[in-house]
């Protein structure tokens, strides 16, 4: 089993917002468990776990980047999706995840391994 992290990024008033989970007083990226023995793919595992939170419609989600995050000395893949309608997504996910401005996520964003970005172009 491997853990895969994911977020969605939306821009409002020139500020990026990240879809995250509240963990006590801090935030963390959403994670999914990938089971290789079940022939899971990392992207498939992430999408399935998002769907388990609520009836999300992925038609407007665009896979933007793949990078890694250091989580307690463990490197995890981090998928980042580009989205537009934050309120609809939060409601679809039954408000279990929320969009938070990047200015409030310094500690979390510092753990992203920026040298490992892979951008997906249209």
C-alpha atoms as a PDB file:
ATOM      1  CA  UNK A   1       0.000   0.000   0.000  1.00  0.00           C
ATOM      2  CA  UNK A   2       1.172   3.511  -0.842  1.00  0.00           C
ATOM      3  CA  UNK A   3      -0.303   6.859   0.099  1.00  0.00           C
ATOM      4  CA  UNK A   4      -0.960   9.368  -2.667  1.00  0.00           C
ATOM      5  CA  UNK A   5      -1.716  13.035  -1.962  1.00  0.00           C
ATOM      6  CA  UNK A   6      -3.945  15.303  -4.024  1.00  0.00           C
ATOM      7  CA  UNK A   7      -5.259  18.838  -4.126  1.00  0.00           C
ATOM      8  CA  UNK A   8      -7.256  21.080  -6.394  1.00  0.00           C
ATOM      9  CA  UNK A   9      -6.142  24.633  -7.083  1.00  0.00           C
ATOM     10  CA  UNK A  10      -8.460  27.534  -7.902  1.00  0.00           C
ATOM     11  CA  UNK A  11      -7.668  31.215  -8.247  1.00  0.00           C
ATOM     12  CA  UNK A  12      -9.820  33.935  -6.710  1.00  0.00           C
ATOM     13  CA  UNK A  13      -8.817  37.605  -6.887  1.00  0.00           C
ATOM     14  CA  UNK A  14      -5.313  36.598  -8.067  1.00  0.00           C
ATOM     15  CA  UNK A  15      -4.792  34.382  -4.979  1.00  0.00           C
ATOM     16  CA  UNK A  16      -4.382  30.604  -5.330  1.00  0.00           C
ATOM     17  CA  UNK A  17      -6.602  28.480  -3.113  1.00  0.00           C
ATOM     18  CA  UNK A  18      -5.812  24.836  -2.345  1.00  0.00           C
ATOM     19  CA  UNK A  19      -8.300  22.085  -1.540  1.00  0.00           C
ATOM     20  CA  UNK A  20      -7.177  20.648   1.799  1.00  0.00           C
ATOM     21  CA  UNK A  21      -8.347  18.822   4.924  1.00  0.00           C
ATOM     22  CA  UNK A  22      -8.362  20.466   8.338  1.00  0.00           C
ATOM     23  CA  UNK A  23      -6.255  18.476  10.791  1.00  0.00           C
ATOM     24  CA  UNK A  24      -6.684  20.027  14.230  1.00  0.00           C
ATOM     25  CA  UNK A  25      -5.173  23.500  13.951  1.00  0.00           C
ATOM     26  CA  UNK A  26      -3.289  22.743  10.725  1.00  0.00           C
ATOM     27  CA  UNK A  27      -4.118  21.671   7.191  1.00  0.00           C
ATOM     28  CA  UNK A  28      -2.985  18.725   5.119  1.00  0.00           C
ATOM     29  CA  UNK A  29      -3.449  17.516   1.592  1.00  0.00           C
ATOM     30  CA  UNK A  30      -6.105  14.913   0.911  1.00  0.00           C
ATOM     31  CA  UNK A  31      -4.615  11.397   0.724  1.00  0.00           C
ATOM     32  CA  UNK A  32      -5.702   8.135  -0.839  1.00  0.00           C
ATOM     33  CA  UNK A  33      -4.447   4.594  -0.358  1.00  0.00           C
ATOM     34  CA  UNK A  34      -3.188   2.834  -3.471  1.00  0.00           C
ATOM     35  CA  UNK A  35      -3.104  -0.968  -3.424  1.00  0.00           C
ATOM     36  CA  UNK A  36      -0.775  -2.318  -6.104  1.00  0.00           C
ATOM     37  CA  UNK A  37      -1.943  -5.891  -5.497  1.00  0.00           C
ATOM     38  CA  UNK A  38      -5.410  -4.708  -6.641  1.00  0.00           C
ATOM     39  CA  UNK A  39      -3.833  -3.218  -9.781  1.00  0.00           C
ATOM     40  CA  UNK A  40      -4.614   0.307  -8.584  1.00  0.00           C
ATOM     41  CA  UNK A  41      -3.033   3.282 -10.277  1.00  0.00           C
ATOM     42  CA  UNK A  42      -2.174   6.323  -8.210  1.00  0.00           C
ATOM     43  CA  UNK A  43      -4.470   8.614 -10.208  1.00  0.00           C
ATOM     44  CA  UNK A  44      -7.311   6.082 -10.107  1.00  0.00           C
ATOM     45  CA  UNK A  45      -6.950   5.717  -6.337  1.00  0.00           C
ATOM     46  CA  UNK A  46      -7.126   9.495  -5.836  1.00  0.00           C
ATOM     47  CA  UNK A  47     -10.210   9.908  -8.023  1.00  0.00           C
ATOM     48  CA  UNK A  48     -11.974   6.984  -6.331  1.00  0.00           C
ATOM     49  CA  UNK A  49     -11.319   8.434  -2.860  1.00  0.00           C
ATOM     50  CA  UNK A  50     -12.595  11.864  -3.917  1.00  0.00           C
ATOM     51  CA  UNK A  51     -15.757  10.124  -5.184  1.00  0.00           C
ATOM     52  CA  UNK A  52     -16.114   8.367  -1.812  1.00  0.00           C
ATOM     53  CA  UNK A  53     -16.490  11.797  -0.158  1.00  0.00           C
ATOM     54  CA  UNK A  54     -19.439  12.816  -2.318  1.00  0.00           C
ATOM     55  CA  UNK A  55     -20.901  12.967  -5.822  1.00  0.00           C
ATOM     56  CA  UNK A  56     -18.107  14.990  -7.410  1.00  0.00           C
ATOM     57  CA  UNK A  57     -18.223  15.759 -11.134  1.00  0.00           C
ATOM     58  CA  UNK A  58     -14.712  15.673 -12.612  1.00  0.00           C
ATOM     59  CA  UNK A  59     -15.708  17.123 -16.003  1.00  0.00           C
ATOM     60  CA  UNK A  60     -14.241  20.535 -15.141  1.00  0.00           C
ATOM     61  CA  UNK A  61     -11.156  19.239 -13.303  1.00  0.00           C
ATOM     62  CA  UNK A  62      -7.892  19.453 -15.251  1.00  0.00           C
ATOM     63  CA  UNK A  63      -4.813  17.588 -14.125  1.00  0.00           C
ATOM     64  CA  UNK A  64      -2.226  20.329 -13.876  1.00  0.00           C
ATOM     65  CA  UNK A  65       0.869  18.999 -12.142  1.00  0.00           C
ATOM     66  CA  UNK A  66       2.430  16.009 -10.486  1.00  0.00           C
ATOM     67  CA  UNK A  67       5.065  16.511  -7.844  1.00  0.00           C
ATOM     68  CA  UNK A  68       5.972  15.099  -4.443  1.00  0.00           C
ATOM     69  CA  UNK A  69       5.429  16.138  -0.848  1.00  0.00           C
ATOM     70  CA  UNK A  70       7.469  15.242   2.206  1.00  0.00           C
ATOM     71  CA  UNK A  71       5.054  14.002   4.867  1.00  0.00           C
ATOM     72  CA  UNK A  72       6.769  12.939   8.111  1.00  0.00           C
ATOM     73  CA  UNK A  73       9.952  11.959   6.237  1.00  0.00           C
ATOM     74  CA  UNK A  74       7.953   9.996   3.656  1.00  0.00           C
ATOM     75  CA  UNK A  75       7.804  11.202   0.061  1.00  0.00           C
ATOM     76  CA  UNK A  76       4.353  10.930  -1.520  1.00  0.00           C
ATOM     77  CA  UNK A  77       3.206  11.744  -5.017  1.00  0.00           C
ATOM     78  CA  UNK A  78       1.033  14.866  -5.093  1.00  0.00           C
ATOM     79  CA  UNK A  79      -1.506  15.369  -7.876  1.00  0.00           C
ATOM     80  CA  UNK A  80      -2.700  18.954  -8.415  1.00  0.00           C
ATOM     81  CA  UNK A  81      -5.872  19.599 -10.401  1.00  0.00           C
ATOM     82  CA  UNK A  82      -6.917  22.985 -11.787  1.00  0.00           C
ATOM     83  CA  UNK A  83     -10.556  23.855 -11.053  1.00  0.00           C
ATOM     84  CA  UNK A  84     -12.811  26.906 -11.175  1.00  0.00           C
ATOM     85  CA  UNK A  85     -15.903  26.666  -8.980  1.00  0.00           C
ATOM     86  CA  UNK A  86     -14.726  26.256  -5.386  1.00  0.00           C
ATOM     87  CA  UNK A  87     -18.178  26.449  -3.787  1.00  0.00           C
ATOM     88  CA  UNK A  88     -19.647  23.715  -5.993  1.00  0.00           C
ATOM     89  CA  UNK A  89     -16.697  21.412  -5.290  1.00  0.00           C
ATOM     90  CA  UNK A  90     -16.837  21.916  -1.517  1.00  0.00           C
ATOM     91  CA  UNK A  91     -20.561  21.223  -1.540  1.00  0.00           C
ATOM     92  CA  UNK A  92     -20.112  18.116  -3.727  1.00  0.00           C
ATOM     93  CA  UNK A  93     -17.528  16.799  -1.274  1.00  0.00           C
ATOM     94  CA  UNK A  94     -20.002  17.350   1.582  1.00  0.00           C
ATOM     95  CA  UNK A  95     -17.686  20.054   3.001  1.00  0.00           C
ATOM     96  CA  UNK A  96     -15.195  17.401   4.128  1.00  0.00           C
ATOM     97  CA  UNK A  97     -12.478  19.340   2.279  1.00  0.00           C
ATOM     98  CA  UNK A  98     -12.157  23.099   1.916  1.00  0.00           C
ATOM     99  CA  UNK A  99     -10.383  25.633  -0.243  1.00  0.00           C
ATOM    100  CA  UNK A 100      -7.881  27.654   1.770  1.00  0.00           C
ATOM    101  CA  UNK A 101      -5.773  30.543   0.431  1.00  0.00           C
ATOM    102  CA  UNK A 102      -2.097  29.824  -0.084  1.00  0.00           C
ATOM    103  CA  UNK A 103      -1.249  32.612   2.377  1.00  0.00           C
ATOM    104  CA  UNK A 104      -2.590  30.394   5.196  1.00  0.00           C
ATOM    105  CA  UNK A 105      -0.762  27.248   4.061  1.00  0.00           C
ATOM    106  CA  UNK A 106       2.908  28.214   4.317  1.00  0.00           C
ATOM    107  CA  UNK A 107       3.876  25.229   6.470  1.00  0.00           C
ATOM    108  CA  UNK A 108       2.124  22.774   4.188  1.00  0.00           C
ATOM    109  CA  UNK A 109       3.392  24.283   0.946  1.00  0.00           C
ATOM    110  CA  UNK A 110       6.987  24.316   2.221  1.00  0.00           C
ATOM    111  CA  UNK A 111       6.897  20.502   2.221  1.00  0.00           C
ATOM    112  CA  UNK A 112       6.185  20.323  -1.521  1.00  0.00           C
ATOM    113  CA  UNK A 113       9.278  19.164  -3.412  1.00  0.00           C
ATOM    114  CA  UNK A 114       9.273  21.770  -6.183  1.00  0.00           C
ATOM    115  CA  UNK A 115      12.201  20.305  -8.103  1.00  0.00           C
ATOM    116  CA  UNK A 116      10.060  17.304  -9.029  1.00  0.00           C
ATOM    117  CA  UNK A 117       7.216  19.089 -10.885  1.00  0.00           C
ATOM    118  CA  UNK A 118       5.781  17.482 -13.999  1.00  0.00           C
ATOM    119  CA  UNK A 119       3.354  19.753 -15.857  1.00  0.00           C
ATOM    120  CA  UNK A 120       0.536  18.359 -17.964  1.00  0.00           C
ATOM    121  CA  UNK A 121      -0.146  20.486 -21.031  1.00  0.00           C
ATOM    122  CA  UNK A 122      -3.369  20.588 -23.050  1.00  0.00           C
END
